[in-house]
Amino acid sequence: DVQQILPDKWQRLKDWMKQEYNLEN
């Protein structure tokens, strides 16, 4: 089986986008 570690699988990408694009939280 495959186990997902983060509740939101896109967390790393979203964190990067917020910082890189200066998006509001």
PDBML (XML) file of the C-alpha atoms, coordinates in Angstrom:
<?xml version="1.0" encoding="UTF-8" ?>
<PDBx:datablock datablockName="MODEL"
   xmlns:PDBx="http://pdbml.pdb.org/schema/pdbx-v50.xsd"
   xmlns:xsi="http://www.w3.org/2001/XMLSchema-instance"
   xsi:schemaLocation="http://pdbml.pdb.org/schema/pdbx-v50.xsd pdbx-v50.xsd">
   <PDBx:atom_siteCategory>
      <PDBx:atom_site id="1">
         <PDBx:B_iso_or_equiv>0.00</PDBx:B_iso_or_equiv>
         <PDBx:Cartn_x>0.000</PDBx:Cartn_x>
         <PDBx:Cartn_y>0.000</PDBx:Cartn_y>
         <PDBx:Cartn_z>0.000</PDBx:Cartn_z>
         <PDBx:auth_asym_id>A</PDBx:auth_asym_id>
         <PDBx:auth_atom_id>CA</PDBx:auth_atom_id>
         <PDBx:auth_comp_id>ASP</PDBx:auth_comp_id>
         <PDBx:auth_seq_id>1</PDBx:auth_seq_id>
         <PDBx:group_PDB>ATOM</PDBx:group_PDB>
         <PDBx:label_alt_id xsi:nil="true" />
         <PDBx:label_asym_id>A</PDBx:label_asym_id>
         <PDBx:label_atom_id>CA</PDBx:label_atom_id>
         <PDBx:label_comp_id>ASP</PDBx:label_comp_id>
         <PDBx:label_entity_id>1</PDBx:label_entity_id>
         <PDBx:label_seq_id>1</PDBx:label_seq_id>
         <PDBx:occupancy>1.00</PDBx:occupancy>
         <PDBx:pdbx_PDB_model_num>1</PDBx:pdbx_PDB_model_num>
         <PDBx:type_symbol>C</PDBx:type_symbol>
      </PDBx:atom_site>
      <PDBx:atom_site id="2">
         <PDBx:B_iso_or_equiv>0.00</PDBx:B_iso_or_equiv>
         <PDBx:Cartn_x>0.883</PDBx:Cartn_x>
         <PDBx:Cartn_y>3.682</PDBx:Cartn_y>
         <PDBx:Cartn_z>-0.215</PDBx:Cartn_z>
         <PDBx:auth_asym_id>A</PDBx:auth_asym_id>
         <PDBx:auth_atom_id>CA</PDBx:auth_atom_id>
         <PDBx:auth_comp_id>VAL</PDBx:auth_comp_id>
         <PDBx:auth_seq_id>2</PDBx:auth_seq_id>
         <PDBx:group_PDB>ATOM</PDBx:group_PDB>
         <PDBx:label_alt_id xsi:nil="true" />
         <PDBx:label_asym_id>A</PDBx:label_asym_id>
         <PDBx:label_atom_id>CA</PDBx:label_atom_id>
         <PDBx:label_comp_id>VAL</PDBx:label_comp_id>
         <PDBx:label_entity_id>1</PDBx:label_entity_id>
         <PDBx:label_seq_id>2</PDBx:label_seq_id>
         <PDBx:occupancy>1.00</PDBx:occupancy>
         <PDBx:pdbx_PDB_model_num>1</PDBx:pdbx_PDB_model_num>
         <PDBx:type_symbol>C</PDBx:type_symbol>
      </PDBx:atom_site>
      <PDBx:atom_site id="3">
         <PDBx:B_iso_or_equiv>0.00</PDBx:B_iso_or_equiv>
         <PDBx:Cartn_x>0.506</PDBx:Cartn_x>
         <PDBx:Cartn_y>5.907</PDBx:Cartn_y>
         <PDBx:Cartn_z>2.858</PDBx:Cartn_z>
         <PDBx:auth_asym_id>A</PDBx:auth_asym_id>
         <PDBx:auth_atom_id>CA</PDBx:auth_atom_id>
         <PDBx:auth_comp_id>GLN</PDBx:auth_comp_id>
         <PDBx:auth_seq_id>3</PDBx:auth_seq_id>
         <PDBx:group_PDB>ATOM</PDBx:group_PDB>
         <PDBx:label_alt_id xsi:nil="true" />
         <PDBx:label_asym_id>A</PDBx:label_asym_id>
         <PDBx:label_atom_id>CA</PDBx:label_atom_id>
         <PDBx:label_comp_id>GLN</PDBx:label_comp_id>
         <PDBx:label_entity_id>1</PDBx:label_entity_id>
         <PDBx:label_seq_id>3</PDBx:label_seq_id>
         <PDBx:occupancy>1.00</PDBx:occupancy>
         <PDBx:pdbx_PDB_model_num>1</PDBx:pdbx_PDB_model_num>
         <PDBx:type_symbol>C</PDBx:type_symbol>
      </PDBx:atom_site>
      <PDBx:atom_site id="4">
         <PDBx:B_iso_or_equiv>0.00</PDBx:B_iso_or_equiv>
         <PDBx:Cartn_x>0.031</PDBx:Cartn_x>
         <PDBx:Cartn_y>9.655</PDBx:Cartn_y>
         <PDBx:Cartn_z>2.538</PDBx:Cartn_z>
         <PDBx:auth_asym_id>A</PDBx:auth_asym_id>
         <PDBx:auth_atom_id>CA</PDBx:auth_atom_id>
         <PDBx:auth_comp_id>GLN</PDBx:auth_comp_id>
         <PDBx:auth_seq_id>4</PDBx:auth_seq_id>
         <PDBx:group_PDB>ATOM</PDBx:group_PDB>
         <PDBx:label_alt_id xsi:nil="true" />
         <PDBx:label_asym_id>A</PDBx:label_asym_id>
         <PDBx:label_atom_id>CA</PDBx:label_atom_id>
         <PDBx:label_comp_id>GLN</PDBx:label_comp_id>
         <PDBx:label_entity_id>1</PDBx:label_entity_id>
         <PDBx:label_seq_id>4</PDBx:label_seq_id>
         <PDBx:occupancy>1.00</PDBx:occupancy>
         <PDBx:pdbx_PDB_model_num>1</PDBx:pdbx_PDB_model_num>
         <PDBx:type_symbol>C</PDBx:type_symbol>
      </PDBx:atom_site>
      <PDBx:atom_site id="5">
         <PDBx:B_iso_or_equiv>0.00</PDBx:B_iso_or_equiv>
         <PDBx:Cartn_x>1.930</PDBx:Cartn_x>
         <PDBx:Cartn_y>11.567</PDBx:Cartn_y>
         <PDBx:Cartn_z>5.237</PDBx:Cartn_z>
         <PDBx:auth_asym_id>A</PDBx:auth_asym_id>
         <PDBx:auth_atom_id>CA</PDBx:auth_atom_id>
         <PDBx:auth_comp_id>ILE</PDBx:auth_comp_id>
         <PDBx:auth_seq_id>5</PDBx:auth_seq_id>
         <PDBx:group_PDB>ATOM</PDBx:group_PDB>
         <PDBx:label_alt_id xsi:nil="true" />
         <PDBx:label_asym_id>A</PDBx:label_asym_id>
         <PDBx:label_atom_id>CA</PDBx:label_atom_id>
         <PDBx:label_comp_id>ILE</PDBx:label_comp_id>
         <PDBx:label_entity_id>1</PDBx:label_entity_id>
         <PDBx:label_seq_id>5</PDBx:label_seq_id>
         <PDBx:occupancy>1.00</PDBx:occupancy>
         <PDBx:pdbx_PDB_model_num>1</PDBx:pdbx_PDB_model_num>
         <PDBx:type_symbol>C</PDBx:type_symbol>
      </PDBx:atom_site>
      <PDBx:atom_site id="6">
         <PDBx:B_iso_or_equiv>0.00</PDBx:B_iso_or_equiv>
         <PDBx:Cartn_x>0.434</PDBx:Cartn_x>
         <PDBx:Cartn_y>15.057</PDBx:Cartn_y>
         <PDBx:Cartn_z>4.969</PDBx:Cartn_z>
         <PDBx:auth_asym_id>A</PDBx:auth_asym_id>
         <PDBx:auth_atom_id>CA</PDBx:auth_atom_id>
         <PDBx:auth_comp_id>LEU</PDBx:auth_comp_id>
         <PDBx:auth_seq_id>6</PDBx:auth_seq_id>
         <PDBx:group_PDB>ATOM</PDBx:group_PDB>
         <PDBx:label_alt_id xsi:nil="true" />
         <PDBx:label_asym_id>A</PDBx:label_asym_id>
         <PDBx:label_atom_id>CA</PDBx:label_atom_id>
         <PDBx:label_comp_id>LEU</PDBx:label_comp_id>
         <PDBx:label_entity_id>1</PDBx:label_entity_id>
         <PDBx:label_seq_id>6</PDBx:label_seq_id>
         <PDBx:occupancy>1.00</PDBx:occupancy>
         <PDBx:pdbx_PDB_model_num>1</PDBx:pdbx_PDB_model_num>
         <PDBx:type_symbol>C</PDBx:type_symbol>
      </PDBx:atom_site>
      <PDBx:atom_site id="7">
         <PDBx:B_iso_or_equiv>0.00</PDBx:B_iso_or_equiv>
         <PDBx:Cartn_x>-3.307</PDBx:Cartn_x>
         <PDBx:Cartn_y>15.699</PDBx:Cartn_y>
         <PDBx:Cartn_z>5.412</PDBx:Cartn_z>
         <PDBx:auth_asym_id>A</PDBx:auth_asym_id>
         <PDBx:auth_atom_id>CA</PDBx:auth_atom_id>
         <PDBx:auth_comp_id>PRO</PDBx:auth_comp_id>
         <PDBx:auth_seq_id>7</PDBx:auth_seq_id>
         <PDBx:group_PDB>ATOM</PDBx:group_PDB>
         <PDBx:label_alt_id xsi:nil="true" />
         <PDBx:label_asym_id>A</PDBx:label_asym_id>
         <PDBx:label_atom_id>CA</PDBx:label_atom_id>
         <PDBx:label_comp_id>PRO</PDBx:label_comp_id>
         <PDBx:label_entity_id>1</PDBx:label_entity_id>
         <PDBx:label_seq_id>7</PDBx:label_seq_id>
         <PDBx:occupancy>1.00</PDBx:occupancy>
         <PDBx:pdbx_PDB_model_num>1</PDBx:pdbx_PDB_model_num>
         <PDBx:type_symbol>C</PDBx:type_symbol>
      </PDBx:atom_site>
      <PDBx:atom_site id="8">
         <PDBx:B_iso_or_equiv>0.00</PDBx:B_iso_or_equiv>
         <PDBx:Cartn_x>-3.081</PDBx:Cartn_x>
         <PDBx:Cartn_y>18.046</PDBx:Cartn_y>
         <PDBx:Cartn_z>2.407</PDBx:Cartn_z>
         <PDBx:auth_asym_id>A</PDBx:auth_asym_id>
         <PDBx:auth_atom_id>CA</PDBx:auth_atom_id>
         <PDBx:auth_comp_id>ASP</PDBx:auth_comp_id>
         <PDBx:auth_seq_id>8</PDBx:auth_seq_id>
         <PDBx:group_PDB>ATOM</PDBx:group_PDB>
         <PDBx:label_alt_id xsi:nil="true" />
         <PDBx:label_asym_id>A</PDBx:label_asym_id>
         <PDBx:label_atom_id>CA</PDBx:label_atom_id>
         <PDBx:label_comp_id>ASP</PDBx:label_comp_id>
         <PDBx:label_entity_id>1</PDBx:label_entity_id>
         <PDBx:label_seq_id>8</PDBx:label_seq_id>
         <PDBx:occupancy>1.00</PDBx:occupancy>
         <PDBx:pdbx_PDB_model_num>1</PDBx:pdbx_PDB_model_num>
         <PDBx:type_symbol>C</PDBx:type_symbol>
      </PDBx:atom_site>
      <PDBx:atom_site id="9">
         <PDBx:B_iso_or_equiv>0.00</PDBx:B_iso_or_equiv>
         <PDBx:Cartn_x>-0.930</PDBx:Cartn_x>
         <PDBx:Cartn_y>16.394</PDBx:Cartn_y>
         <PDBx:Cartn_z>-0.226</PDBx:Cartn_z>
         <PDBx:auth_asym_id>A</PDBx:auth_asym_id>
         <PDBx:auth_atom_id>CA</PDBx:auth_atom_id>
         <PDBx:auth_comp_id>LYS</PDBx:auth_comp_id>
         <PDBx:auth_seq_id>9</PDBx:auth_seq_id>
         <PDBx:group_PDB>ATOM</PDBx:group_PDB>
         <PDBx:label_alt_id xsi:nil="true" />
         <PDBx:label_asym_id>A</PDBx:label_asym_id>
         <PDBx:label_atom_id>CA</PDBx:label_atom_id>
         <PDBx:label_comp_id>LYS</PDBx:label_comp_id>
         <PDBx:label_entity_id>1</PDBx:label_entity_id>
         <PDBx:label_seq_id>9</PDBx:label_seq_id>
         <PDBx:occupancy>1.00</PDBx:occupancy>
         <PDBx:pdbx_PDB_model_num>1</PDBx:pdbx_PDB_model_num>
         <PDBx:type_symbol>C</PDBx:type_symbol>
      </PDBx:atom_site>
      <PDBx:atom_site id="10">
         <PDBx:B_iso_or_equiv>0.00</PDBx:B_iso_or_equiv>
         <PDBx:Cartn_x>-0.394</PDBx:Cartn_x>
         <PDBx:Cartn_y>19.767</PDBx:Cartn_y>
         <PDBx:Cartn_z>-1.952</PDBx:Cartn_z>
         <PDBx:auth_asym_id>A</PDBx:auth_asym_id>
         <PDBx:auth_atom_id>CA</PDBx:auth_atom_id>
         <PDBx:auth_comp_id>TRP</PDBx:auth_comp_id>
         <PDBx:auth_seq_id>10</PDBx:auth_seq_id>
         <PDBx:group_PDB>ATOM</PDBx:group_PDB>
         <PDBx:label_alt_id xsi:nil="true" />
         <PDBx:label_asym_id>A</PDBx:label_asym_id>
         <PDBx:label_atom_id>CA</PDBx:label_atom_id>
         <PDBx:label_comp_id>TRP</PDBx:label_comp_id>
         <PDBx:label_entity_id>1</PDBx:label_entity_id>
         <PDBx:label_seq_id>10</PDBx:label_seq_id>
         <PDBx:occupancy>1.00</PDBx:occupancy>
         <PDBx:pdbx_PDB_model_num>1</PDBx:pdbx_PDB_model_num>
         <PDBx:type_symbol>C</PDBx:type_symbol>
      </PDBx:atom_site>
      <PDBx:atom_site id="11">
         <PDBx:B_iso_or_equiv>0.00</PDBx:B_iso_or_equiv>
         <PDBx:Cartn_x>1.024</PDBx:Cartn_x>
         <PDBx:Cartn_y>21.423</PDBx:Cartn_y>
         <PDBx:Cartn_z>1.181</PDBx:Cartn_z>
         <PDBx:auth_asym_id>A</PDBx:auth_asym_id>
         <PDBx:auth_atom_id>CA</PDBx:auth_atom_id>
         <PDBx:auth_comp_id>GLN</PDBx:auth_comp_id>
         <PDBx:auth_seq_id>11</PDBx:auth_seq_id>
         <PDBx:group_PDB>ATOM</PDBx:group_PDB>
         <PDBx:label_alt_id xsi:nil="true" />
         <PDBx:label_asym_id>A</PDBx:label_asym_id>
         <PDBx:label_atom_id>CA</PDBx:label_atom_id>
         <PDBx:label_comp_id>GLN</PDBx:label_comp_id>
         <PDBx:label_entity_id>1</PDBx:label_entity_id>
         <PDBx:label_seq_id>11</PDBx:label_seq_id>
         <PDBx:occupancy>1.00</PDBx:occupancy>
         <PDBx:pdbx_PDB_model_num>1</PDBx:pdbx_PDB_model_num>
         <PDBx:type_symbol>C</PDBx:type_symbol>
      </PDBx:atom_site>
      <PDBx:atom_site id="12">
         <PDBx:B_iso_or_equiv>0.00</PDBx:B_iso_or_equiv>
         <PDBx:Cartn_x>4.581</PDBx:Cartn_x>
         <PDBx:Cartn_y>21.729</PDBx:Cartn_y>
         <PDBx:Cartn_z>-0.100</PDBx:Cartn_z>
         <PDBx:auth_asym_id>A</PDBx:auth_asym_id>
         <PDBx:auth_atom_id>CA</PDBx:auth_atom_id>
         <PDBx:auth_comp_id>ARG</PDBx:auth_comp_id>
         <PDBx:auth_seq_id>12</PDBx:auth_seq_id>
         <PDBx:group_PDB>ATOM</PDBx:group_PDB>
         <PDBx:label_alt_id xsi:nil="true" />
         <PDBx:label_asym_id>A</PDBx:label_asym_id>
         <PDBx:label_atom_id>CA</PDBx:label_atom_id>
         <PDBx:label_comp_id>ARG</PDBx:label_comp_id>
         <PDBx:label_entity_id>1</PDBx:label_entity_id>
         <PDBx:label_seq_id>12</PDBx:label_seq_id>
         <PDBx:occupancy>1.00</PDBx:occupancy>
         <PDBx:pdbx_PDB_model_num>1</PDBx:pdbx_PDB_model_num>
         <PDBx:type_symbol>C</PDBx:type_symbol>
      </PDBx:atom_site>
      <PDBx:atom_site id="13">
         <PDBx:B_iso_or_equiv>0.00</PDBx:B_iso_or_equiv>
         <PDBx:Cartn_x>3.477</PDBx:Cartn_x>
         <PDBx:Cartn_y>23.211</PDBx:Cartn_y>
         <PDBx:Cartn_z>-3.433</PDBx:Cartn_z>
         <PDBx:auth_asym_id>A</PDBx:auth_asym_id>
         <PDBx:auth_atom_id>CA</PDBx:auth_atom_id>
         <PDBx:auth_comp_id>LEU</PDBx:auth_comp_id>
         <PDBx:auth_seq_id>13</PDBx:auth_seq_id>
         <PDBx:group_PDB>ATOM</PDBx:group_PDB>
         <PDBx:label_alt_id xsi:nil="true" />
         <PDBx:label_asym_id>A</PDBx:label_asym_id>
         <PDBx:label_atom_id>CA</PDBx:label_atom_id>
         <PDBx:label_comp_id>LEU</PDBx:label_comp_id>
         <PDBx:label_entity_id>1</PDBx:label_entity_id>
         <PDBx:label_seq_id>13</PDBx:label_seq_id>
         <PDBx:occupancy>1.00</PDBx:occupancy>
         <PDBx:pdbx_PDB_model_num>1</PDBx:pdbx_PDB_model_num>
         <PDBx:type_symbol>C</PDBx:type_symbol>
      </PDBx:atom_site>
      <PDBx:atom_site id="14">
         <PDBx:B_iso_or_equiv>0.00</PDBx:B_iso_or_equiv>
         <PDBx:Cartn_x>1.070</PDBx:Cartn_x>
         <PDBx:Cartn_y>25.638</PDBx:Cartn_y>
         <PDBx:Cartn_z>-1.751</PDBx:Cartn_z>
         <PDBx:auth_asym_id>A</PDBx:auth_asym_id>
         <PDBx:auth_atom_id>CA</PDBx:auth_atom_id>
         <PDBx:auth_comp_id>LYS</PDBx:auth_comp_id>
         <PDBx:auth_seq_id>14</PDBx:auth_seq_id>
         <PDBx:group_PDB>ATOM</PDBx:group_PDB>
         <PDBx:label_alt_id xsi:nil="true" />
         <PDBx:label_asym_id>A</PDBx:label_asym_id>
         <PDBx:label_atom_id>CA</PDBx:label_atom_id>
         <PDBx:label_comp_id>LYS</PDBx:label_comp_id>
         <PDBx:label_entity_id>1</PDBx:label_entity_id>
         <PDBx:label_seq_id>14</PDBx:label_seq_id>
         <PDBx:occupancy>1.00</PDBx:occupancy>
         <PDBx:pdbx_PDB_model_num>1</PDBx:pdbx_PDB_model_num>
         <PDBx:type_symbol>C</PDBx:type_symbol>
      </PDBx:atom_site>
      <PDBx:atom_site id="15">
         <PDBx:B_iso_or_equiv>0.00</PDBx:B_iso_or_equiv>
         <PDBx:Cartn_x>3.693</PDBx:Cartn_x>
         <PDBx:Cartn_y>26.801</PDBx:Cartn_y>
         <PDBx:Cartn_z>0.733</PDBx:Cartn_z>
         <PDBx:auth_asym_id>A</PDBx:auth_asym_id>
         <PDBx:auth_atom_id>CA</PDBx:auth_atom_id>
         <PDBx:auth_comp_id>ASP</PDBx:auth_comp_id>
         <PDBx:auth_seq_id>15</PDBx:auth_seq_id>
         <PDBx:group_PDB>ATOM</PDBx:group_PDB>
         <PDBx:label_alt_id xsi:nil="true" />
         <PDBx:label_asym_id>A</PDBx:label_asym_id>
         <PDBx:label_atom_id>CA</PDBx:label_atom_id>
         <PDBx:label_comp_id>ASP</PDBx:label_comp_id>
         <PDBx:label_entity_id>1</PDBx:label_entity_id>
         <PDBx:label_seq_id>15</PDBx:label_seq_id>
         <PDBx:occupancy>1.00</PDBx:occupancy>
         <PDBx:pdbx_PDB_model_num>1</PDBx:pdbx_PDB_model_num>
         <PDBx:type_symbol>C</PDBx:type_symbol>
      </PDBx:atom_site>
      <PDBx:atom_site id="16">
         <PDBx:B_iso_or_equiv>0.00</PDBx:B_iso_or_equiv>
         <PDBx:Cartn_x>6.091</PDBx:Cartn_x>
         <PDBx:Cartn_y>27.458</PDBx:Cartn_y>
         <PDBx:Cartn_z>-2.132</PDBx:Cartn_z>
         <PDBx:auth_asym_id>A</PDBx:auth_asym_id>
         <PDBx:auth_atom_id>CA</PDBx:auth_atom_id>
         <PDBx:auth_comp_id>TRP</PDBx:auth_comp_id>
         <PDBx:auth_seq_id>16</PDBx:auth_seq_id>
         <PDBx:group_PDB>ATOM</PDBx:group_PDB>
         <PDBx:label_alt_id xsi:nil="true" />
         <PDBx:label_asym_id>A</PDBx:label_asym_id>
         <PDBx:label_atom_id>CA</PDBx:label_atom_id>
         <PDBx:label_comp_id>TRP</PDBx:label_comp_id>
         <PDBx:label_entity_id>1</PDBx:label_entity_id>
         <PDBx:label_seq_id>16</PDBx:label_seq_id>
         <PDBx:occupancy>1.00</PDBx:occupancy>
         <PDBx:pdbx_PDB_model_num>1</PDBx:pdbx_PDB_model_num>
         <PDBx:type_symbol>C</PDBx:type_symbol>
      </PDBx:atom_site>
      <PDBx:atom_site id="17">
         <PDBx:B_iso_or_equiv>0.00</PDBx:B_iso_or_equiv>
         <PDBx:Cartn_x>3.455</PDBx:Cartn_x>
         <PDBx:Cartn_y>29.315</PDBx:Cartn_y>
         <PDBx:Cartn_z>-4.155</PDBx:Cartn_z>
         <PDBx:auth_asym_id>A</PDBx:auth_asym_id>
         <PDBx:auth_atom_id>CA</PDBx:auth_atom_id>
         <PDBx:auth_comp_id>MET</PDBx:auth_comp_id>
         <PDBx:auth_seq_id>17</PDBx:auth_seq_id>
         <PDBx:group_PDB>ATOM</PDBx:group_PDB>
         <PDBx:label_alt_id xsi:nil="true" />
         <PDBx:label_asym_id>A</PDBx:label_asym_id>
         <PDBx:label_atom_id>CA</PDBx:label_atom_id>
         <PDBx:label_comp_id>MET</PDBx:label_comp_id>
         <PDBx:label_entity_id>1</PDBx:label_entity_id>
         <PDBx:label_seq_id>17</PDBx:label_seq_id>
         <PDBx:occupancy>1.00</PDBx:occupancy>
         <PDBx:pdbx_PDB_model_num>1</PDBx:pdbx_PDB_model_num>
         <PDBx:type_symbol>C</PDBx:type_symbol>
      </PDBx:atom_site>
      <PDBx:atom_site id="18">
         <PDBx:B_iso_or_equiv>0.00</PDBx:B_iso_or_equiv>
         <PDBx:Cartn_x>2.520</PDBx:Cartn_x>
         <PDBx:Cartn_y>31.554</PDBx:Cartn_y>
         <PDBx:Cartn_z>-1.218</PDBx:Cartn_z>
         <PDBx:auth_asym_id>A</PDBx:auth_asym_id>
         <PDBx:auth_atom_id>CA</PDBx:auth_atom_id>
         <PDBx:auth_comp_id>LYS</PDBx:auth_comp_id>
         <PDBx:auth_seq_id>18</PDBx:auth_seq_id>
         <PDBx:group_PDB>ATOM</PDBx:group_PDB>
         <PDBx:label_alt_id xsi:nil="true" />
         <PDBx:label_asym_id>A</PDBx:label_asym_id>
         <PDBx:label_atom_id>CA</PDBx:label_atom_id>
         <PDBx:label_comp_id>LYS</PDBx:label_comp_id>
         <PDBx:label_entity_id>1</PDBx:label_entity_id>
         <PDBx:label_seq_id>18</PDBx:label_seq_id>
         <PDBx:occupancy>1.00</PDBx:occupancy>
         <PDBx:pdbx_PDB_model_num>1</PDBx:pdbx_PDB_model_num>
         <PDBx:type_symbol>C</PDBx:type_symbol>
      </PDBx:atom_site>
      <PDBx:atom_site id="19">
         <PDBx:B_iso_or_equiv>0.00</PDBx:B_iso_or_equiv>
         <PDBx:Cartn_x>6.154</PDBx:Cartn_x>
         <PDBx:Cartn_y>32.528</PDBx:Cartn_y>
         <PDBx:Cartn_z>-0.735</PDBx:Cartn_z>
         <PDBx:auth_asym_id>A</PDBx:auth_asym_id>
         <PDBx:auth_atom_id>CA</PDBx:auth_atom_id>
         <PDBx:auth_comp_id>GLN</PDBx:auth_comp_id>
         <PDBx:auth_seq_id>19</PDBx:auth_seq_id>
         <PDBx:group_PDB>ATOM</PDBx:group_PDB>
         <PDBx:label_alt_id xsi:nil="true" />
         <PDBx:label_asym_id>A</PDBx:label_asym_id>
         <PDBx:label_atom_id>CA</PDBx:label_atom_id>
         <PDBx:label_comp_id>GLN</PDBx:label_comp_id>
         <PDBx:label_entity_id>1</PDBx:label_entity_id>
         <PDBx:label_seq_id>19</PDBx:label_seq_id>
         <PDBx:occupancy>1.00</PDBx:occupancy>
         <PDBx:pdbx_PDB_model_num>1</PDBx:pdbx_PDB_model_num>
         <PDBx:type_symbol>C</PDBx:type_symbol>
      </PDBx:atom_site>
      <PDBx:atom_site id="20">
         <PDBx:B_iso_or_equiv>0.00</PDBx:B_iso_or_equiv>
         <PDBx:Cartn_x>7.179</PDBx:Cartn_x>
         <PDBx:Cartn_y>32.734</PDBx:Cartn_y>
         <PDBx:Cartn_z>-4.387</PDBx:Cartn_z>
         <PDBx:auth_asym_id>A</PDBx:auth_asym_id>
         <PDBx:auth_atom_id>CA</PDBx:auth_atom_id>
         <PDBx:auth_comp_id>GLU</PDBx:auth_comp_id>
         <PDBx:auth_seq_id>20</PDBx:auth_seq_id>
         <PDBx:group_PDB>ATOM</PDBx:group_PDB>
         <PDBx:label_alt_id xsi:nil="true" />
         <PDBx:label_asym_id>A</PDBx:label_asym_id>
         <PDBx:label_atom_id>CA</PDBx:label_atom_id>
         <PDBx:label_comp_id>GLU</PDBx:label_comp_id>
         <PDBx:label_entity_id>1</PDBx:label_entity_id>
         <PDBx:label_seq_id>20</PDBx:label_seq_id>
         <PDBx:occupancy>1.00</PDBx:occupancy>
         <PDBx:pdbx_PDB_model_num>1</PDBx:pdbx_PDB_model_num>
         <PDBx:type_symbol>C</PDBx:type_symbol>
      </PDBx:atom_site>
      <PDBx:atom_site id="21">
         <PDBx:B_iso_or_equiv>0.00</PDBx:B_iso_or_equiv>
         <PDBx:Cartn_x>4.094</PDBx:Cartn_x>
         <PDBx:Cartn_y>34.612</PDBx:Cartn_y>
         <PDBx:Cartn_z>-5.590</PDBx:Cartn_z>
         <PDBx:auth_asym_id>A</PDBx:auth_asym_id>
         <PDBx:auth_atom_id>CA</PDBx:auth_atom_id>
         <PDBx:auth_comp_id>TYR</PDBx:auth_comp_id>
         <PDBx:auth_seq_id>21</PDBx:auth_seq_id>
         <PDBx:group_PDB>ATOM</PDBx:group_PDB>
         <PDBx:label_alt_id xsi:nil="true" />
         <PDBx:label_asym_id>A</PDBx:label_asym_id>
         <PDBx:label_atom_id>CA</PDBx:label_atom_id>
         <PDBx:label_comp_id>TYR</PDBx:label_comp_id>
         <PDBx:label_entity_id>1</PDBx:label_entity_id>
         <PDBx:label_seq_id>21</PDBx:label_seq_id>
         <PDBx:occupancy>1.00</PDBx:occupancy>
         <PDBx:pdbx_PDB_model_num>1</PDBx:pdbx_PDB_model_num>
         <PDBx:type_symbol>C</PDBx:type_symbol>
      </PDBx:atom_site>
      <PDBx:atom_site id="22">
         <PDBx:B_iso_or_equiv>0.00</PDBx:B_iso_or_equiv>
         <PDBx:Cartn_x>3.606</PDBx:Cartn_x>
         <PDBx:Cartn_y>36.593</PDBx:Cartn_y>
         <PDBx:Cartn_z>-2.356</PDBx:Cartn_z>
         <PDBx:auth_asym_id>A</PDBx:auth_asym_id>
         <PDBx:auth_atom_id>CA</PDBx:auth_atom_id>
         <PDBx:auth_comp_id>ASN</PDBx:auth_comp_id>
         <PDBx:auth_seq_id>22</PDBx:auth_seq_id>
         <PDBx:group_PDB>ATOM</PDBx:group_PDB>
         <PDBx:label_alt_id xsi:nil="true" />
         <PDBx:label_asym_id>A</PDBx:label_asym_id>
         <PDBx:label_atom_id>CA</PDBx:label_atom_id>
         <PDBx:label_comp_id>ASN</PDBx:label_comp_id>
         <PDBx:label_entity_id>1</PDBx:label_entity_id>
         <PDBx:label_seq_id>22</PDBx:label_seq_id>
         <PDBx:occupancy>1.00</PDBx:occupancy>
         <PDBx:pdbx_PDB_model_num>1</PDBx:pdbx_PDB_model_num>
         <PDBx:type_symbol>C</PDBx:type_symbol>
      </PDBx:atom_site>
      <PDBx:atom_site id="23">
         <PDBx:B_iso_or_equiv>0.00</PDBx:B_iso_or_equiv>
         <PDBx:Cartn_x>0.032</PDBx:Cartn_x>
         <PDBx:Cartn_y>35.357</PDBx:Cartn_y>
         <PDBx:Cartn_z>-2.077</PDBx:Cartn_z>
         <PDBx:auth_asym_id>A</PDBx:auth_asym_id>
         <PDBx:auth_atom_id>CA</PDBx:auth_atom_id>
         <PDBx:auth_comp_id>LEU</PDBx:auth_comp_id>
         <PDBx:auth_seq_id>23</PDBx:auth_seq_id>
         <PDBx:group_PDB>ATOM</PDBx:group_PDB>
         <PDBx:label_alt_id xsi:nil="true" />
         <PDBx:label_asym_id>A</PDBx:label_asym_id>
         <PDBx:label_atom_id>CA</PDBx:label_atom_id>
         <PDBx:label_comp_id>LEU</PDBx:label_comp_id>
         <PDBx:label_entity_id>1</PDBx:label_entity_id>
         <PDBx:label_seq_id>23</PDBx:label_seq_id>
         <PDBx:occupancy>1.00</PDBx:occupancy>
         <PDBx:pdbx_PDB_model_num>1</PDBx:pdbx_PDB_model_num>
         <PDBx:type_symbol>C</PDBx:type_symbol>
      </PDBx:atom_site>
      <PDBx:atom_site id="24">
         <PDBx:B_iso_or_equiv>0.00</PDBx:B_iso_or_equiv>
         <PDBx:Cartn_x>-2.010</PDBx:Cartn_x>
         <PDBx:Cartn_y>36.253</PDBx:Cartn_y>
         <PDBx:Cartn_z>0.974</PDBx:Cartn_z>
         <PDBx:auth_asym_id>A</PDBx:auth_asym_id>
         <PDBx:auth_atom_id>CA</PDBx:auth_atom_id>
         <PDBx:auth_comp_id>GLU</PDBx:auth_comp_id>
         <PDBx:auth_seq_id>24</PDBx:auth_seq_id>
         <PDBx:group_PDB>ATOM</PDBx:group_PDB>
         <PDBx:label_alt_id xsi:nil="true" />
         <PDBx:label_asym_id>A</PDBx:label_asym_id>
         <PDBx:label_atom_id>CA</PDBx:label_atom_id>
         <PDBx:label_comp_id>GLU</PDBx:label_comp_id>
         <PDBx:label_entity_id>1</PDBx:label_entity_id>
         <PDBx:label_seq_id>24</PDBx:label_seq_id>
         <PDBx:occupancy>1.00</PDBx:occupancy>
         <PDBx:pdbx_PDB_model_num>1</PDBx:pdbx_PDB_model_num>
         <PDBx:type_symbol>C</PDBx:type_symbol>
      </PDBx:atom_site>
      <PDBx:atom_site id="25">
         <PDBx:B_iso_or_equiv>0.00</PDBx:B_iso_or_equiv>
         <PDBx:Cartn_x>-2.702</PDBx:Cartn_x>
         <PDBx:Cartn_y>33.443</PDBx:Cartn_y>
         <PDBx:Cartn_z>3.393</PDBx:Cartn_z>
         <PDBx:auth_asym_id>A</PDBx:auth_asym_id>
         <PDBx:auth_atom_id>CA</PDBx:auth_atom_id>
         <PDBx:auth_comp_id>ASN</PDBx:auth_comp_id>
         <PDBx:auth_seq_id>25</PDBx:auth_seq_id>
         <PDBx:group_PDB>ATOM</PDBx:group_PDB>
         <PDBx:label_alt_id xsi:nil="true" />
         <PDBx:label_asym_id>A</PDBx:label_asym_id>
         <PDBx:label_atom_id>CA</PDBx:label_atom_id>
         <PDBx:label_comp_id>ASN</PDBx:label_comp_id>
         <PDBx:label_entity_id>1</PDBx:label_entity_id>
         <PDBx:label_seq_id>25</PDBx:label_seq_id>
         <PDBx:occupancy>1.00</PDBx:occupancy>
         <PDBx:pdbx_PDB_model_num>1</PDBx:pdbx_PDB_model_num>
         <PDBx:type_symbol>C</PDBx:type_symbol>
      </PDBx:atom_site>
   </PDBx:atom_siteCategory>
</PDBx:datablock>
